[in-house]
Amino acid sequence: MLLFFSVFMLIFSIGKTSDIIIQNTTSVTVNKGSSTTLSCSYTGSPYSLHWYRQKPGSRPEFLILIDEASEHINKAQPPDHRFFIKLHKKEKTWDLEISSTAVSDSALYYCALQPTVTETHQTLY
């Protein structure tokens, strides 16, 4: 069974016009049970780098973020241990790695430079 992932970039300003996102992955098709990586690039010096998922007919849900300076990772609660975030500071990219993909992972994935679903981030800051 093939799964389809799509990445949509969100561009947010964090008080500086130089903080933008460039999506590196636009869509991915993978076999159930395999792994995949979605990637985005950024410019500037954002505080944190986020990943969200939106399933058809639902609102975006927070998955995971990484603090750009400390590389501290925060995951959604309860965490899904199949999702991992990887920061490449030199290249200014961050990846969402999904292992053991399932049909339920088929969705639109968003990368963002600041919280976009605020009620799930109240305790993070």
PDB file of N, CA and C in Angstrom:
ATOM      1  N   MET A   1       0.835  -1.172   0.000  1.00  0.00           N
ATOM      2  CA  MET A   1       0.000   0.000   0.000  1.00  0.00           C
ATOM      3  C   MET A   1       0.886   1.242   0.000  1.00  0.00           C
ATOM      4  N   LEU A   2       0.576   2.182  -0.864  1.00  0.00           N
ATOM      5  CA  LEU A   2       1.335   3.419  -0.949  1.00  0.00           C
ATOM      6  C   LEU A   2       0.682   4.504  -0.109  1.00  0.00           C
ATOM      7  N   LEU A   3       1.510   5.304   0.538  1.00  0.00           N
ATOM      8  CA  LEU A   3       1.053   6.427   1.337  1.00  0.00           C
ATOM      9  C   LEU A   3       1.513   7.703   0.667  1.00  0.00           C
ATOM     10  N   PHE A   4       0.747   8.761   0.827  1.00  0.00           N
ATOM     11  CA  PHE A   4       1.087  10.028   0.200  1.00  0.00           C
ATOM     12  C   PHE A   4       1.256  11.099   1.270  1.00  0.00           C
ATOM     13  N   PHE A   5       2.374  11.790   1.230  1.00  0.00           N
ATOM     14  CA  PHE A   5       2.661  12.889   2.142  1.00  0.00           C
ATOM     15  C   PHE A   5       2.839  14.142   1.306  1.00  0.00           C
ATOM     16  N   SER A   6       2.326  15.233   1.774  1.00  0.00           N
ATOM     17  CA  SER A   6       2.511  16.499   1.089  1.00  0.00           C
ATOM     18  C   SER A   6       2.993  17.531   2.098  1.00  0.00           C
ATOM     19  N   VAL A   7       3.905  18.381   1.675  1.00  0.00           N
ATOM     20  CA  VAL A   7       4.441  19.418   2.553  1.00  0.00           C
ATOM     21  C   VAL A   7       4.007  20.773   2.018  1.00  0.00           C
ATOM     22  N   PHE A   8       3.533  21.594   2.916  1.00  0.00           N
ATOM     23  CA  PHE A   8       3.106  22.941   2.576  1.00  0.00           C
ATOM     24  C   PHE A   8       3.892  23.890   3.463  1.00  0.00           C
ATOM     25  N   MET A   9       4.474  24.905   2.891  1.00  0.00           N
ATOM     26  CA  MET A   9       5.260  25.805   3.726  1.00  0.00           C
ATOM     27  C   MET A   9       4.403  26.954   4.234  1.00  0.00           C
ATOM     28  N   LEU A  10       4.682  27.353   5.445  1.00  0.00           N
ATOM     29  CA  LEU A  10       4.064  28.520   6.043  1.00  0.00           C
ATOM     30  C   LEU A  10       5.155  29.547   6.256  1.00  0.00           C
ATOM     31  N   ILE A  11       4.926  30.747   5.822  1.00  0.00           N
ATOM     32  CA  ILE A  11       5.918  31.798   5.997  1.00  0.00           C
ATOM     33  C   ILE A  11       5.409  32.758   7.064  1.00  0.00           C
ATOM     34  N   PHE A  12       6.187  32.907   8.115  1.00  0.00           N
ATOM     35  CA  PHE A  12       5.827  33.778   9.216  1.00  0.00           C
ATOM     36  C   PHE A  12       6.977  34.722   9.501  1.00  0.00           C
ATOM     37  N   SER A  13       6.652  35.906   9.862  1.00  0.00           N
ATOM     38  CA  SER A  13       7.656  36.845  10.322  1.00  0.00           C
ATOM     39  C   SER A  13       7.684  36.819  11.837  1.00  0.00           C
ATOM     40  N   ILE A  14       8.863  36.823  12.403  1.00  0.00           N
ATOM     41  CA  ILE A  14       9.016  36.847  13.854  1.00  0.00           C
ATOM     42  C   ILE A  14       9.621  38.192  14.240  1.00  0.00           C
ATOM     43  N   GLY A  15       9.132  39.223  13.643  1.00  0.00           N
ATOM     44  CA  GLY A  15       9.661  40.548  13.933  1.00  0.00           C
ATOM     45  C   GLY A  15      10.800  40.926  13.008  1.00  0.00           C
ATOM     46  N   LYS A  16      11.255  40.009  12.188  1.00  0.00           N
ATOM     47  CA  LYS A  16      12.327  40.279  11.234  1.00  0.00           C
ATOM     48  C   LYS A  16      11.853  39.787   9.877  1.00  0.00           C
ATOM     49  N   THR A  17      12.049  40.549   8.855  1.00  0.00           N
ATOM     50  CA  THR A  17      11.606  40.132   7.530  1.00  0.00           C
ATOM     51  C   THR A  17      12.529  39.092   6.927  1.00  0.00           C
ATOM     52  N   SER A  18      13.674  38.805   7.558  1.00  0.00           N
ATOM     53  CA  SER A  18      14.610  37.844   6.989  1.00  0.00           C
ATOM     54  C   SER A  18      14.298  36.409   7.390  1.00  0.00           C
ATOM     55  N   ASP A  19      13.327  36.169   8.274  1.00  0.00           N
ATOM     56  CA  ASP A  19      12.973  34.825   8.693  1.00  0.00           C
ATOM     57  C   ASP A  19      11.895  34.263   7.775  1.00  0.00           C
ATOM     58  N   ILE A  20      12.300  33.392   6.853  1.00  0.00           N
ATOM     59  CA  ILE A  20      11.352  32.752   5.944  1.00  0.00           C
ATOM     60  C   ILE A  20      11.671  31.269   5.825  1.00  0.00           C
ATOM     61  N   ILE A  21      10.722  30.529   5.292  1.00  0.00           N
ATOM     62  CA  ILE A  21      10.857  29.086   5.081  1.00  0.00           C
ATOM     63  C   ILE A  21      10.855  28.807   3.593  1.00  0.00           C
ATOM     64  N   ILE A  22      11.651  27.835   3.201  1.00  0.00           N
ATOM     65  CA  ILE A  22      11.663  27.336   1.833  1.00  0.00           C
ATOM     66  C   ILE A  22      11.417  25.841   1.929  1.00  0.00           C
ATOM     67  N   GLN A  23      10.360  25.361   1.305  1.00  0.00           N
ATOM     68  CA  GLN A  23      10.087  23.930   1.383  1.00  0.00           C
ATOM     69  C   GLN A  23      10.998  23.177   0.430  1.00  0.00           C
ATOM     70  N   ASN A  24      11.626  22.123   0.944  1.00  0.00           N
ATOM     71  CA  ASN A  24      12.516  21.304   0.129  1.00  0.00           C
ATOM     72  C   ASN A  24      11.816  20.056  -0.388  1.00  0.00           C
ATOM     73  N   THR A  25      10.764  19.637   0.287  1.00  0.00           N
ATOM     74  CA  THR A  25      10.000  18.465  -0.104  1.00  0.00           C
ATOM     75  C   THR A  25       8.585  18.924  -0.408  1.00  0.00           C
ATOM     76  N   THR A  26       8.075  18.606  -1.587  1.00  0.00           N
ATOM     77  CA  THR A  26       6.717  19.017  -1.906  1.00  0.00           C
ATOM     78  C   THR A  26       5.729  17.874  -1.752  1.00  0.00           C
ATOM     79  N   SER A  27       6.107  16.671  -2.139  1.00  0.00           N
ATOM     80  CA  SER A  27       5.241  15.519  -1.917  1.00  0.00           C
ATOM     81  C   SER A  27       6.092  14.257  -1.939  1.00  0.00           C
ATOM     82  N   VAL A  28       5.623  13.267  -1.209  1.00  0.00           N
ATOM     83  CA  VAL A  28       6.345  12.001  -1.078  1.00  0.00           C
ATOM     84  C   VAL A  28       5.329  10.870  -1.105  1.00  0.00           C
ATOM     85  N   THR A  29       5.647   9.811  -1.799  1.00  0.00           N
ATOM     86  CA  THR A  29       4.848   8.604  -1.780  1.00  0.00           C
ATOM     87  C   THR A  29       5.736   7.485  -1.267  1.00  0.00           C
ATOM     88  N   VAL A  30       5.280   6.791  -0.229  1.00  0.00           N
ATOM     89  CA  VAL A  30       6.079   5.732   0.388  1.00  0.00           C
ATOM     90  C   VAL A  30       5.220   4.494   0.604  1.00  0.00           C
ATOM     91  N   ASN A  31       5.874   3.358   0.795  1.00  0.00           N
ATOM     92  CA  ASN A  31       5.177   2.128   1.120  1.00  0.00           C
ATOM     93  C   ASN A  31       4.890   2.068   2.612  1.00  0.00           C
ATOM     94  N   LYS A  32       3.764   1.498   2.967  1.00  0.00           N
ATOM     95  CA  LYS A  32       3.393   1.313   4.368  1.00  0.00           C
ATOM     96  C   LYS A  32       4.511   0.560   5.085  1.00  0.00           C
ATOM     97  N   GLY A  33       4.884   1.055   6.278  1.00  0.00           N
ATOM     98  CA  GLY A  33       5.912   0.408   7.082  1.00  0.00           C
ATOM     99  C   GLY A  33       7.319   0.903   6.827  1.00  0.00           C
ATOM    100  N   SER A  34       7.507   1.717   5.777  1.00  0.00           N
ATOM    101  CA  SER A  34       8.847   2.239   5.491  1.00  0.00           C
ATOM    102  C   SER A  34       9.040   3.575   6.201  1.00  0.00           C
ATOM    103  N   SER A  35      10.192   4.183   6.006  1.00  0.00           N
ATOM    104  CA  SER A  35      10.510   5.480   6.603  1.00  0.00           C
ATOM    105  C   SER A  35      10.564   6.538   5.518  1.00  0.00           C
ATOM    106  N   THR A  36      10.355   7.783   5.915  1.00  0.00           N
ATOM    107  CA  THR A  36      10.452   8.899   4.980  1.00  0.00           C
ATOM    108  C   THR A  36      10.937  10.138   5.712  1.00  0.00           C
ATOM    109  N   THR A  37      11.470  11.084   4.956  1.00  0.00           N
ATOM    110  CA  THR A  37      11.952  12.341   5.516  1.00  0.00           C
ATOM    111  C   THR A  37      11.366  13.497   4.727  1.00  0.00           C
ATOM    112  N   LEU A  38      10.792  14.474   5.439  1.00  0.00           N
ATOM    113  CA  LEU A  38      10.305  15.715   4.860  1.00  0.00           C
ATOM    114  C   LEU A  38      11.248  16.815   5.314  1.00  0.00           C
ATOM    115  N   SER A  39      11.528  17.785   4.451  1.00  0.00           N
ATOM    116  CA  SER A  39      12.548  18.777   4.773  1.00  0.00           C
ATOM    117  C   SER A  39      12.126  20.191   4.401  1.00  0.00           C
ATOM    118  N   CYS A  40      12.541  21.152   5.239  1.00  0.00           N
ATOM    119  CA  CYS A  40      12.351  22.579   4.970  1.00  0.00           C
ATOM    120  C   CYS A  40      13.650  23.322   5.290  1.00  0.00           C
ATOM    121  N   SER A  41      13.869  24.443   4.636  1.00  0.00           N
ATOM    122  CA  SER A  41      15.017  25.314   4.897  1.00  0.00           C
ATOM    123  C   SER A  41      14.507  26.622   5.475  1.00  0.00           C
ATOM    124  N   TYR A  42      15.397  27.357   6.130  1.00  0.00           N
ATOM    125  CA  TYR A  42      15.023  28.641   6.697  1.00  0.00           C
ATOM    126  C   TYR A  42      16.149  29.640   6.501  1.00  0.00           C
ATOM    127  N   THR A  43      15.781  30.918   6.570  1.00  0.00           N
ATOM    128  CA  THR A  43      16.767  31.986   6.562  1.00  0.00           C
ATOM    129  C   THR A  43      16.625  32.742   7.872  1.00  0.00           C
ATOM    130  N   GLY A  44      17.608  33.532   8.218  1.00  0.00           N
ATOM    131  CA  GLY A  44      17.557  34.296   9.449  1.00  0.00           C
ATOM    132  C   GLY A  44      17.928  33.440  10.652  1.00  0.00           C
ATOM    133  N   SER A  45      17.472  33.846  11.810  1.00  0.00           N
ATOM    134  CA  SER A  45      17.761  33.149  13.066  1.00  0.00           C
ATOM    135  C   SER A  45      16.480  32.962  13.857  1.00  0.00           C
ATOM    136  N   PRO A  46      15.628  32.043  13.441  1.00  0.00           N
ATOM    137  CA  PRO A  46      14.369  31.846  14.158  1.00  0.00           C
ATOM    138  C   PRO A  46      14.599  31.234  15.532  1.00  0.00           C
ATOM    139  N   TYR A  47      13.629  31.415  16.414  1.00  0.00           N
ATOM    140  CA  TYR A  47      13.718  30.860  17.757  1.00  0.00           C
ATOM    141  C   TYR A  47      13.491  29.352  17.732  1.00  0.00           C
ATOM    142  N   SER A  48      12.465  28.907  17.012  1.00  0.00           N
ATOM    143  CA  SER A  48      12.155  27.484  16.984  1.00  0.00           C
ATOM    144  C   SER A  48      11.607  27.087  15.621  1.00  0.00           C
ATOM    145  N   LEU A  49      11.731  25.801  15.319  1.00  0.00           N
ATOM    146  CA  LEU A  49      11.335  25.248  14.030  1.00  0.00           C
ATOM    147  C   LEU A  49      10.314  24.149  14.303  1.00  0.00           C
ATOM    148  N   HIS A  50       9.153  24.246  13.669  1.00  0.00           N
ATOM    149  CA  HIS A  50       8.005  23.404  13.997  1.00  0.00           C
ATOM    150  C   HIS A  50       7.570  22.529  12.833  1.00  0.00           C
ATOM    151  N   TRP A  51       6.905  21.416  13.180  1.00  0.00           N
ATOM    152  CA  TRP A  51       6.228  20.570  12.201  1.00  0.00           C
ATOM    153  C   TRP A  51       4.804  20.326  12.678  1.00  0.00           C
ATOM    154  N   TYR A  52       3.855  20.412  11.746  1.00  0.00           N
ATOM    155  CA  TYR A  52       2.436  20.166  11.984  1.00  0.00           C
ATOM    156  C   TYR A  52       1.936  19.178  10.940  1.00  0.00           C
ATOM    157  N   ARG A  53       0.815  18.536  11.262  1.00  0.00           N
ATOM    158  CA  ARG A  53       0.167  17.626  10.310  1.00  0.00           C
ATOM    159  C   ARG A  53      -1.305  17.985  10.262  1.00  0.00           C
ATOM    160  N   GLN A  54      -1.873  17.963   9.051  1.00  0.00           N
ATOM    161  CA  GLN A  54      -3.297  18.203   8.892  1.00  0.00           C
ATOM    162  C   GLN A  54      -3.901  17.072   8.079  1.00  0.00           C
ATOM    163  N   LYS A  55      -4.781  16.317   8.727  1.00  0.00           N
ATOM    164  CA  LYS A  55      -5.486  15.237   8.054  1.00  0.00           C
ATOM    165  C   LYS A  55      -6.729  15.811   7.389  1.00  0.00           C
ATOM    166  N   PRO A  56      -7.221  15.163   6.332  1.00  0.00           N
ATOM    167  CA  PRO A  56      -8.397  15.680   5.626  1.00  0.00           C
ATOM    168  C   PRO A  56      -9.574  15.928   6.583  1.00  0.00           C
ATOM    169  N   GLY A  57     -10.179  17.103   6.470  1.00  0.00           N
ATOM    170  CA  GLY A  57     -11.329  17.452   7.283  1.00  0.00           C
ATOM    171  C   GLY A  57     -11.002  17.846   8.713  1.00  0.00           C
ATOM    172  N   SER A  58      -9.724  17.951   9.059  1.00  0.00           N
ATOM    173  CA  SER A  58      -9.314  18.302  10.417  1.00  0.00           C
ATOM    174  C   SER A  58      -8.446  19.546  10.399  1.00  0.00           C
ATOM    175  N   ARG A  59      -8.268  20.139  11.575  1.00  0.00           N
ATOM    176  CA  ARG A  59      -7.378  21.296  11.684  1.00  0.00           C
ATOM    177  C   ARG A  59      -5.938  20.803  11.853  1.00  0.00           C
ATOM    178  N   PRO A  60      -4.943  21.662  11.609  1.00  0.00           N
ATOM    179  CA  PRO A  60      -3.543  21.241  11.808  1.00  0.00           C
ATOM    180  C   PRO A  60      -3.289  20.850  13.260  1.00  0.00           C
ATOM    181  N   GLU A  61      -2.462  19.839  13.450  1.00  0.00           N
ATOM    182  CA  GLU A  61      -2.086  19.420  14.796  1.00  0.00           C
ATOM    183  C   GLU A  61      -0.567  19.504  14.940  1.00  0.00           C
ATOM    184  N   PHE A  62      -0.133  19.997  16.087  1.00  0.00           N
ATOM    185  CA  PHE A  62       1.283  20.110  16.388  1.00  0.00           C
ATOM    186  C   PHE A  62       1.887  18.722  16.531  1.00  0.00           C
ATOM    187  N   LEU A  63       3.075  18.512  15.914  1.00  0.00           N
ATOM    188  CA  LEU A  63       3.788  17.243  16.035  1.00  0.00           C
ATOM    189  C   LEU A  63       5.045  17.365  16.883  1.00  0.00           C
ATOM    190  N   ILE A  64       5.903  18.331  16.493  1.00  0.00           N
ATOM    191  CA  ILE A  64       7.218  18.401  17.117  1.00  0.00           C
ATOM    192  C   ILE A  64       7.879  19.731  16.779  1.00  0.00           C
ATOM    193  N   LEU A  65       8.763  20.203  17.671  1.00  0.00           N
ATOM    194  CA  LEU A  65       9.549  21.400  17.373  1.00  0.00           C
ATOM    195  C   LEU A  65      10.944  21.227  17.947  1.00  0.00           C
ATOM    196  N   ILE A  66      11.858  22.011  17.404  1.00  0.00           N
ATOM    197  CA  ILE A  66      13.227  22.045  17.916  1.00  0.00           C
ATOM    198  C   ILE A  66      13.625  23.498  18.107  1.00  0.00           C
ATOM    199  N   ASP A  67      14.262  23.788  19.243  1.00  0.00           N
ATOM    200  CA  ASP A  67      14.785  25.116  19.532  1.00  0.00           C
ATOM    201  C   ASP A  67      16.065  25.276  18.717  1.00  0.00           C
ATOM    202  N   GLU A  68      16.149  26.303  17.911  1.00  0.00           N
ATOM    203  CA  GLU A  68      17.287  26.484  16.999  1.00  0.00           C
ATOM    204  C   GLU A  68      18.591  26.699  17.756  1.00  0.00           C
ATOM    205  N   ALA A  69      18.568  27.376  18.876  1.00  0.00           N
ATOM    206  CA  ALA A  69      19.801  27.676  19.617  1.00  0.00           C
ATOM    207  C   ALA A  69      20.281  26.494  20.459  1.00  0.00           C
ATOM    208  N   SER A  70      19.388  25.917  21.252  1.00  0.00           N
ATOM    209  CA  SER A  70      19.792  24.855  22.179  1.00  0.00           C
ATOM    210  C   SER A  70      19.607  23.449  21.610  1.00  0.00           C
ATOM    211  N   GLU A  71      18.852  23.335  20.516  1.00  0.00           N
ATOM    212  CA  GLU A  71      18.501  22.064  19.896  1.00  0.00           C
ATOM    213  C   GLU A  71      17.642  21.185  20.811  1.00  0.00           C
ATOM    214  N   HIS A  72      16.959  21.824  21.763  1.00  0.00           N
ATOM    215  CA  HIS A  72      16.022  21.117  22.629  1.00  0.00           C
ATOM    216  C   HIS A  72      14.776  20.768  21.814  1.00  0.00           C
ATOM    217  N   ILE A  73      14.267  19.548  21.976  1.00  0.00           N
ATOM    218  CA  ILE A  73      13.110  19.065  21.211  1.00  0.00           C
ATOM    219  C   ILE A  73      11.896  18.964  22.126  1.00  0.00           C
ATOM    220  N   ASN A  74      10.751  19.436  21.632  1.00  0.00           N
ATOM    221  CA  ASN A  74       9.459  19.268  22.300  1.00  0.00           C
ATOM    222  C   ASN A  74       8.549  18.518  21.352  1.00  0.00           C
ATOM    223  N   LYS A  75       7.867  17.494  21.871  1.00  0.00           N
ATOM    224  CA  LYS A  75       6.931  16.715  21.067  1.00  0.00           C
ATOM    225  C   LYS A  75       5.521  16.922  21.567  1.00  0.00           C
ATOM    226  N   ALA A  76       4.561  16.628  20.687  1.00  0.00           N
ATOM    227  CA  ALA A  76       3.157  16.667  21.072  1.00  0.00           C
ATOM    228  C   ALA A  76       2.933  15.673  22.197  1.00  0.00           C
ATOM    229  N   GLN A  77       1.885  15.916  22.988  1.00  0.00           N
ATOM    230  CA  GLN A  77       1.536  14.995  24.069  1.00  0.00           C
ATOM    231  C   GLN A  77       0.226  14.300  23.740  1.00  0.00           C
ATOM    232  N   PRO A  78       0.162  12.993  23.761  1.00  0.00           N
ATOM    233  CA  PRO A  78       1.290  12.088  24.008  1.00  0.00           C
ATOM    234  C   PRO A  78       2.189  12.050  22.777  1.00  0.00           C
ATOM    235  N   PRO A  79       3.486  11.838  22.981  1.00  0.00           N
ATOM    236  CA  PRO A  79       4.418  11.845  21.848  1.00  0.00           C
ATOM    237  C   PRO A  79       4.275  10.604  20.979  1.00  0.00           C
ATOM    238  N   ASP A  80       4.466  10.779  19.701  1.00  0.00           N
ATOM    239  CA  ASP A  80       4.530   9.651  18.769  1.00  0.00           C
ATOM    240  C   ASP A  80       6.011   9.433  18.495  1.00  0.00           C
ATOM    241  N   HIS A  81       6.551   8.347  18.983  1.00  0.00           N
ATOM    242  CA  HIS A  81       7.993   8.095  18.894  1.00  0.00           C
ATOM    243  C   HIS A  81       8.462   7.734  17.483  1.00  0.00           C
ATOM    244  N   ARG A  82       7.529   7.679  16.547  1.00  0.00           N
ATOM    245  CA  ARG A  82       7.928   7.450  15.146  1.00  0.00           C
ATOM    246  C   ARG A  82       8.332   8.748  14.465  1.00  0.00           C
ATOM    247  N   PHE A  83       8.027   9.895  15.101  1.00  0.00           N
ATOM    248  CA  PHE A  83       8.367  11.202  14.546  1.00  0.00           C
ATOM    249  C   PHE A  83       9.622  11.729  15.220  1.00  0.00           C
ATOM    250  N   PHE A  84      10.585  12.135  14.405  1.00  0.00           N
ATOM    251  CA  PHE A  84      11.830  12.674  14.922  1.00  0.00           C
ATOM    252  C   PHE A  84      12.185  13.910  14.112  1.00  0.00           C
ATOM    253  N   ILE A  85      12.702  14.924  14.778  1.00  0.00           N
ATOM    254  CA  ILE A  85      13.106  16.161  14.100  1.00  0.00           C
ATOM    255  C   ILE A  85      14.627  16.245  14.122  1.00  0.00           C
ATOM    256  N   LYS A  86      15.192  16.657  13.015  1.00  0.00           N
ATOM    257  CA  LYS A  86      16.647  16.750  12.903  1.00  0.00           C
ATOM    258  C   LYS A  86      16.999  18.123  12.337  1.00  0.00           C
ATOM    259  N   LEU A  87      17.865  18.841  13.041  1.00  0.00           N
ATOM    260  CA  LEU A  87      18.298  20.177  12.639  1.00  0.00           C
ATOM    261  C   LEU A  87      19.688  20.105  12.025  1.00  0.00           C
ATOM    262  N   HIS A  88      19.859  20.771  10.895  1.00  0.00           N
ATOM    263  CA  HIS A  88      21.152  20.892  10.229  1.00  0.00           C
ATOM    264  C   HIS A  88      21.479  22.385  10.199  1.00  0.00           C
ATOM    265  N   LYS A  89      22.121  22.865  11.260  1.00  0.00           N
ATOM    266  CA  LYS A  89      22.363  24.315  11.401  1.00  0.00           C
ATOM    267  C   LYS A  89      23.181  24.893  10.260  1.00  0.00           C
ATOM    268  N   LYS A  90      24.234  24.188   9.867  1.00  0.00           N
ATOM    269  CA  LYS A  90      25.109  24.705   8.821  1.00  0.00           C
ATOM    270  C   LYS A  90      24.342  24.920   7.516  1.00  0.00           C
ATOM    271  N   GLU A  91      23.475  23.972   7.177  1.00  0.00           N
ATOM    272  CA  GLU A  91      22.680  24.061   5.951  1.00  0.00           C
ATOM    273  C   GLU A  91      21.402  24.862   6.137  1.00  0.00           C
ATOM    274  N   LYS A  92      21.077  25.184   7.415  1.00  0.00           N
ATOM    275  CA  LYS A  92      19.844  25.882   7.760  1.00  0.00           C
ATOM    276  C   LYS A  92      18.622  25.123   7.248  1.00  0.00           C
ATOM    277  N   THR A  93      18.593  23.829   7.549  1.00  0.00           N
ATOM    278  CA  THR A  93      17.451  22.990   7.207  1.00  0.00           C
ATOM    279  C   THR A  93      17.025  22.211   8.443  1.00  0.00           C
ATOM    280  N   TRP A  94      15.768  21.787   8.449  1.00  0.00           N
ATOM    281  CA  TRP A  94      15.306  20.863   9.485  1.00  0.00           C
ATOM    282  C   TRP A  94      14.371  19.860   8.841  1.00  0.00           C
ATOM    283  N   ASP A  95      14.505  18.616   9.300  1.00  0.00           N
ATOM    284  CA  ASP A  95      13.786  17.497   8.718  1.00  0.00           C
ATOM    285  C   ASP A  95      12.801  16.906   9.707  1.00  0.00           C
ATOM    286  N   LEU A  96      11.730  16.377   9.172  1.00  0.00           N
ATOM    287  CA  LEU A  96      10.816  15.544   9.941  1.00  0.00           C
ATOM    288  C   LEU A  96      11.013  14.132   9.422  1.00  0.00           C
ATOM    289  N   GLU A  97      11.508  13.262  10.285  1.00  0.00           N
ATOM    290  CA  GLU A  97      11.702  11.868   9.915  1.00  0.00           C
ATOM    291  C   GLU A  97      10.553  11.056  10.503  1.00  0.00           C
ATOM    292  N   ILE A  98       9.899  10.264   9.659  1.00  0.00           N
ATOM    293  CA  ILE A  98       8.783   9.421  10.082  1.00  0.00           C
ATOM    294  C   ILE A  98       9.183   7.974   9.830  1.00  0.00           C
ATOM    295  N   SER A  99       9.239   7.177  10.885  1.00  0.00           N
ATOM    296  CA  SER A  99       9.585   5.761  10.734  1.00  0.00           C
ATOM    297  C   SER A  99       8.309   4.920  10.799  1.00  0.00           C
ATOM    298  N   SER A 100       8.374   3.741  10.260  1.00  0.00           N
ATOM    299  CA  SER A 100       7.242   2.789  10.287  1.00  0.00           C
ATOM    300  C   SER A 100       5.940   3.470   9.877  1.00  0.00           C
ATOM    301  N   THR A 101       5.921   4.054   8.696  1.00  0.00           N
ATOM    302  CA  THR A 101       4.749   4.792   8.242  1.00  0.00           C
ATOM    303  C   THR A 101       3.503   3.913   8.230  1.00  0.00           C
ATOM    304  N   ALA A 102       2.373   4.562   8.512  1.00  0.00           N
ATOM    305  CA  ALA A 102       1.074   3.894   8.528  1.00  0.00           C
ATOM    306  C   ALA A 102       0.112   4.667   7.639  1.00  0.00           C
ATOM    307  N   VAL A 103      -0.967   4.032   7.245  1.00  0.00           N
ATOM    308  CA  VAL A 103      -1.970   4.697   6.419  1.00  0.00           C
ATOM    309  C   VAL A 103      -2.454   5.974   7.107  1.00  0.00           C
ATOM    310  N   SER A 104      -2.549   5.956   8.424  1.00  0.00           N
ATOM    311  CA  SER A 104      -3.018   7.122   9.179  1.00  0.00           C
ATOM    312  C   SER A 104      -2.052   8.307   9.100  1.00  0.00           C
ATOM    313  N   ASP A 105      -0.832   8.106   8.576  1.00  0.00           N
ATOM    314  CA  ASP A 105       0.132   9.202   8.422  1.00  0.00           C
ATOM    315  C   ASP A 105      -0.102  10.010   7.147  1.00  0.00           C
ATOM    316  N   SER A 106      -0.967   9.520   6.256  1.00  0.00           N
ATOM    317  CA  SER A 106      -1.256  10.255   5.022  1.00  0.00           C
ATOM    318  C   SER A 106      -1.921  11.572   5.387  1.00  0.00           C
ATOM    319  N   ALA A 107      -1.270  12.680   5.042  1.00  0.00           N
ATOM    320  CA  ALA A 107      -1.762  14.002   5.450  1.00  0.00           C
ATOM    321  C   ALA A 107      -0.948  15.083   4.772  1.00  0.00           C
ATOM    322  N   LEU A 108      -1.343  16.315   5.040  1.00  0.00           N
ATOM    323  CA  LEU A 108      -0.592  17.491   4.633  1.00  0.00           C
ATOM    324  C   LEU A 108       0.284  17.870   5.820  1.00  0.00           C
ATOM    325  N   TYR A 109       1.589  18.028   5.611  1.00  0.00           N
ATOM    326  CA  TYR A 109       2.533  18.372   6.682  1.00  0.00           C
ATOM    327  C   TYR A 109       3.009  19.802   6.482  1.00  0.00           C
ATOM    328  N   TYR A 110       3.041  20.567   7.574  1.00  0.00           N
ATOM    329  CA  TYR A 110       3.436  21.968   7.548  1.00  0.00           C
ATOM    330  C   TYR A 110       4.726  22.162   8.330  1.00  0.00           C
ATOM    331  N   CYS A 111       5.613  22.987   7.794  1.00  0.00           N
ATOM    332  CA  CYS A 111       6.763  23.441   8.560  1.00  0.00           C
ATOM    333  C   CYS A 111       6.529  24.921   8.864  1.00  0.00           C
ATOM    334  N   ALA A 112       6.932  25.345  10.047  1.00  0.00           N
ATOM    335  CA  ALA A 112       6.679  26.723  10.467  1.00  0.00           C
ATOM    336  C   ALA A 112       7.796  27.202  11.379  1.00  0.00           C
ATOM    337  N   LEU A 113       7.957  28.532  11.468  1.00  0.00           N
ATOM    338  CA  LEU A 113       8.988  29.142  12.305  1.00  0.00           C
ATOM    339  C   LEU A 113       8.456  29.640  13.639  1.00  0.00           C
ATOM    340  N   GLN A 114       7.184  29.481  13.872  1.00  0.00           N
ATOM    341  CA  GLN A 114       6.592  29.893  15.142  1.00  0.00           C
ATOM    342  C   GLN A 114       5.319  29.085  15.338  1.00  0.00           C
ATOM    343  N   PRO A 115       4.792  29.043  16.554  1.00  0.00           N
ATOM    344  CA  PRO A 115       3.571  28.270  16.802  1.00  0.00           C
ATOM    345  C   PRO A 115       2.431  28.740  15.916  1.00  0.00           C
ATOM    346  N   THR A 116       1.693  27.790  15.345  1.00  0.00           N
ATOM    347  CA  THR A 116       0.535  28.131  14.529  1.00  0.00           C
ATOM    348  C   THR A 116      -0.745  27.561  15.122  1.00  0.00           C
ATOM    349  N   VAL A 117      -0.635  26.625  16.024  1.00  0.00           N
ATOM    350  CA  VAL A 117      -1.782  26.065  16.735  1.00  0.00           C
ATOM    351  C   VAL A 117      -1.532  26.366  18.194  1.00  0.00           C
ATOM    352  N   THR A 118      -1.879  27.570  18.610  1.00  0.00           N
ATOM    353  CA  THR A 118      -1.439  28.086  19.903  1.00  0.00           C
ATOM    354  C   THR A 118      -1.915  27.297  21.109  1.00  0.00           C
ATOM    355  N   GLU A 119      -3.091  26.714  21.073  1.00  0.00           N
ATOM    356  CA  GLU A 119      -3.549  26.031  22.273  1.00  0.00           C
ATOM    357  C   GLU A 119      -2.686  24.816  22.627  1.00  0.00           C
ATOM    358  N   THR A 120      -1.964  24.245  21.690  1.00  0.00           N
ATOM    359  CA  THR A 120      -1.105  23.106  21.999  1.00  0.00           C
ATOM    360  C   THR A 120       0.280  23.550  22.463  1.00  0.00           C
ATOM    361  N   HIS A 121       0.556  24.850  22.406  1.00  0.00           N
ATOM    362  CA  HIS A 121       1.881  25.341  22.769  1.00  0.00           C
ATOM    363  C   HIS A 121       1.878  26.136  24.078  1.00  0.00           C
ATOM    364  N   GLN A 122       0.752  26.242  24.718  1.00  0.00           N
ATOM    365  CA  GLN A 122       0.664  27.057  25.929  1.00  0.00           C
ATOM    366  C   GLN A 122       1.721  26.683  26.965  1.00  0.00           C
ATOM    367  N   THR A 123       1.999  25.404  27.116  1.00  0.00           N
ATOM    368  CA  THR A 123       2.950  24.969  28.146  1.00  0.00           C
ATOM    369  C   THR A 123       4.383  24.889  27.648  1.00  0.00           C
ATOM    370  N   LEU A 124       4.616  25.154  26.383  1.00  0.00           N
ATOM    371  CA  LEU A 124       5.956  25.001  25.833  1.00  0.00           C
ATOM    372  C   LEU A 124       6.831  26.211  26.101  1.00  0.00           C
ATOM    373  N   TYR A 125       6.251  27.392  26.305  1.00  0.00           N
ATOM    374  CA  TYR A 125       7.059  28.597  26.446  1.00  0.00           C
ATOM    375  C   TYR A 125       6.854  29.222  27.803  1.00  0.00           C
TER     376      TYR A 125
END
